[in-house]
Amino acid sequence: MIASEVSIPCPIFHADIDIKKTNNNFEIIGIEDAINNDWIKNKIYLQFDQIFSLNKIPQNNKITNDWQSFLKSLNLDCKTETQQESETNASNESTINTDIPTNGSF
């Protein structure tokens, strides 16, 4: 996967990206051409898997493979479900009234 914030509302990577098959391996080609693009505004997120590989990751300080840091660079710092649950639980704990009388009167 390749993703980035762009300054125009259209796909910009697909024209440069292609796949080459060599000995039952698939290699993604054209990444360097794709990221050398004036429409890119911020970080570039790259993710590959065992089926599609990249022999050489281009040297570019905008490239990241950390999804959370990518989202943060876009001011979309989304929290995982576990983080949200932890914050909700902490918030609920802090609002529980612990001043309940122990003598049975309310």
C-alpha atoms as a PDB file:
ATOM      1  CA  MET A   1       0.000   0.000   0.000  1.00  0.00           C
ATOM      2  CA  ILE A   2       1.158   3.525  -0.705  1.00  0.00           C
ATOM      3  CA  ALA A   3      -0.632   6.550   0.730  1.00  0.00           C
ATOM      4  CA  SER A   4       0.001  10.244   1.223  1.00  0.00           C
ATOM      5  CA  GLU A   5      -1.720  13.553   1.704  1.00  0.00           C
ATOM      6  CA  VAL A   6      -1.877  15.275  -1.679  1.00  0.00           C
ATOM      7  CA  SER A   7      -2.738  18.793  -2.753  1.00  0.00           C
ATOM      8  CA  ILE A   8      -5.187  17.698  -5.460  1.00  0.00           C
ATOM      9  CA  PRO A   9      -8.211  15.409  -5.038  1.00  0.00           C
ATOM     10  CA  CYS A  10      -7.151  12.579  -7.357  1.00  0.00           C
ATOM     11  CA  PRO A  11      -4.925   9.488  -7.371  1.00  0.00           C
ATOM     12  CA  ILE A  12      -1.324  10.374  -8.141  1.00  0.00           C
ATOM     13  CA  PHE A  13       0.631   7.142  -7.611  1.00  0.00           C
ATOM     14  CA  HIS A  14      -1.057   4.655  -9.937  1.00  0.00           C
ATOM     15  CA  ALA A  15       0.484   5.991 -13.171  1.00  0.00           C
ATOM     16  CA  ASP A  16       4.013   5.265 -11.941  1.00  0.00           C
ATOM     17  CA  ILE A  17       3.523   1.970 -10.093  1.00  0.00           C
ATOM     18  CA  ASP A  18       3.793  -1.379 -11.839  1.00  0.00           C
ATOM     19  CA  ILE A  19       4.455  -5.000 -10.915  1.00  0.00           C
ATOM     20  CA  LYS A  20       7.157  -7.193 -12.399  1.00  0.00           C
ATOM     21  CA  LYS A  21       7.110 -10.989 -12.041  1.00  0.00           C
ATOM     22  CA  THR A  22      10.458 -12.748 -11.783  1.00  0.00           C
ATOM     23  CA  ASN A  23      10.783 -16.422 -10.825  1.00  0.00           C
ATOM     24  CA  ASN A  24       7.356 -16.554  -9.150  1.00  0.00           C
ATOM     25  CA  ASN A  25       8.123 -13.397  -7.159  1.00  0.00           C
ATOM     26  CA  PHE A  26       6.319 -10.129  -7.639  1.00  0.00           C
ATOM     27  CA  GLU A  27       8.298  -6.915  -7.382  1.00  0.00           C
ATOM     28  CA  ILE A  28       6.787  -3.472  -7.236  1.00  0.00           C
ATOM     29  CA  ILE A  29       8.527  -1.060  -9.561  1.00  0.00           C
ATOM     30  CA  GLY A  30       8.132   2.669 -10.028  1.00  0.00           C
ATOM     31  CA  ILE A  31       8.031   3.686  -6.359  1.00  0.00           C
ATOM     32  CA  GLU A  32      10.858   6.196  -6.778  1.00  0.00           C
ATOM     33  CA  ASP A  33       9.058   7.862  -9.685  1.00  0.00           C
ATOM     34  CA  ALA A  34       5.790   7.879  -7.743  1.00  0.00           C
ATOM     35  CA  ILE A  35       7.189   9.585  -4.648  1.00  0.00           C
ATOM     36  CA  ASN A  36       9.073  12.241  -6.613  1.00  0.00           C
ATOM     37  CA  ASN A  37       5.854  14.139  -7.071  1.00  0.00           C
ATOM     38  CA  ASP A  38       5.109  17.793  -6.338  1.00  0.00           C
ATOM     39  CA  TRP A  39       1.513  16.970  -5.358  1.00  0.00           C
ATOM     40  CA  ILE A  40       2.664  15.156  -2.191  1.00  0.00           C
ATOM     41  CA  LYS A  41       2.212  17.399   0.843  1.00  0.00           C
ATOM     42  CA  ASN A  42       3.435  15.356   3.778  1.00  0.00           C
ATOM     43  CA  LYS A  43       4.557  11.871   4.809  1.00  0.00           C
ATOM     44  CA  ILE A  44       4.324   8.873   2.498  1.00  0.00           C
ATOM     45  CA  TYR A  45       3.136   5.591   3.993  1.00  0.00           C
ATOM     46  CA  LEU A  46       4.546   2.413   2.414  1.00  0.00           C
ATOM     47  CA  GLN A  47       3.542  -1.124   3.353  1.00  0.00           C
ATOM     48  CA  PHE A  48       4.527  -4.338   1.612  1.00  0.00           C
ATOM     49  CA  ASP A  49       3.878  -7.998   2.269  1.00  0.00           C
ATOM     50  CA  GLN A  50       5.262 -11.395   1.301  1.00  0.00           C
ATOM     51  CA  ILE A  51       3.493 -11.458  -2.067  1.00  0.00           C
ATOM     52  CA  PHE A  52       4.557  -8.025  -3.256  1.00  0.00           C
ATOM     53  CA  SER A  53       8.057  -6.908  -2.362  1.00  0.00           C
ATOM     54  CA  LEU A  54      10.270  -3.941  -2.935  1.00  0.00           C
ATOM     55  CA  ASN A  55      13.944  -4.694  -3.452  1.00  0.00           C
ATOM     56  CA  LYS A  56      15.100  -1.190  -2.627  1.00  0.00           C
ATOM     57  CA  ILE A  57      13.241   1.302  -0.455  1.00  0.00           C
ATOM     58  CA  PRO A  58      13.902   4.796  -1.805  1.00  0.00           C
ATOM     59  CA  GLN A  59      15.869   7.129   0.454  1.00  0.00           C
ATOM     60  CA  ASN A  60      13.383   9.830   1.342  1.00  0.00           C
ATOM     61  CA  ASN A  61      12.775  11.337   4.773  1.00  0.00           C
ATOM     62  CA  LYS A  62       9.037  11.522   4.055  1.00  0.00           C
ATOM     63  CA  ILE A  63       8.662   7.721   3.895  1.00  0.00           C
ATOM     64  CA  THR A  64       7.309   5.843   6.905  1.00  0.00           C
ATOM     65  CA  ASN A  65       5.946   2.359   7.508  1.00  0.00           C
ATOM     66  CA  ASP A  66       4.421   3.324  10.864  1.00  0.00           C
ATOM     67  CA  TRP A  67       0.694   3.821  10.331  1.00  0.00           C
ATOM     68  CA  GLN A  68       0.161   5.763  13.575  1.00  0.00           C
ATOM     69  CA  SER A  69       2.960   8.255  12.836  1.00  0.00           C
ATOM     70  CA  PHE A  70       1.573   8.633   9.307  1.00  0.00           C
ATOM     71  CA  LEU A  71      -1.884   9.467  10.677  1.00  0.00           C
ATOM     72  CA  LYS A  72      -0.348  11.841  13.202  1.00  0.00           C
ATOM     73  CA  SER A  73       1.471  13.697  10.391  1.00  0.00           C
ATOM     74  CA  LEU A  74      -1.951  14.255   8.801  1.00  0.00           C
ATOM     75  CA  ASN A  75      -3.457  15.432  12.101  1.00  0.00           C
ATOM     76  CA  LEU A  76      -5.557  12.258  12.104  1.00  0.00           C
ATOM     77  CA  ASP A  77      -4.032  10.824  15.245  1.00  0.00           C
ATOM     78  CA  CYS A  78      -6.586   8.042  15.621  1.00  0.00           C
ATOM     79  CA  LYS A  79      -6.472   5.934  18.703  1.00  0.00           C
ATOM     80  CA  THR A  80      -6.768   2.177  18.586  1.00  0.00           C
ATOM     81  CA  GLU A  81      -9.832   0.554  20.097  1.00  0.00           C
ATOM     82  CA  THR A  82      -7.743  -0.584  23.080  1.00  0.00           C
ATOM     83  CA  GLN A  83      -6.448   2.965  23.665  1.00  0.00           C
ATOM     84  CA  GLN A  84      -9.997   4.345  23.471  1.00  0.00           C
ATOM     85  CA  GLU A  85     -11.262   1.723  25.937  1.00  0.00           C
ATOM     86  CA  SER A  86      -8.420   2.512  28.357  1.00  0.00           C
ATOM     87  CA  GLU A  87      -9.183   6.230  28.229  1.00  0.00           C
ATOM     88  CA  THR A  88     -12.925   5.608  28.641  1.00  0.00           C
ATOM     89  CA  ASN A  89     -12.302   3.322  31.631  1.00  0.00           C
ATOM     90  CA  ALA A  90      -9.947   5.851  33.216  1.00  0.00           C
ATOM     91  CA  SER A  91     -12.502   8.600  32.666  1.00  0.00           C
ATOM     92  CA  ASN A  92     -15.295   6.484  34.166  1.00  0.00           C
ATOM     93  CA  GLU A  93     -13.153   5.639  37.183  1.00  0.00           C
ATOM     94  CA  SER A  94     -12.410   9.283  37.819  1.00  0.00           C
ATOM     95  CA  THR A  95     -16.121  10.195  37.814  1.00  0.00           C
ATOM     96  CA  ILE A  96     -17.243   7.507  40.254  1.00  0.00           C
ATOM     97  CA  ASN A  97     -18.439   9.030  43.510  1.00  0.00           C
ATOM     98  CA  THR A  98     -16.491   7.370  46.298  1.00  0.00           C
ATOM     99  CA  ASP A  99     -18.070   9.475  49.064  1.00  0.00           C
ATOM    100  CA  ILE A 100     -20.789   6.921  49.813  1.00  0.00           C
ATOM    101  CA  PRO A 101     -21.692   6.860  53.487  1.00  0.00           C
ATOM    102  CA  THR A 102     -20.870   3.593  55.183  1.00  0.00           C
ATOM    103  CA  ASN A 103     -23.544   3.917  57.861  1.00  0.00           C
ATOM    104  CA  GLY A 104     -26.354   2.917  55.495  1.00  0.00           C
ATOM    105  CA  SER A 105     -27.845   6.412  55.039  1.00  0.00           C
ATOM    106  CA  PHE A 106     -27.877   8.105  51.660  1.00  0.00           C
END
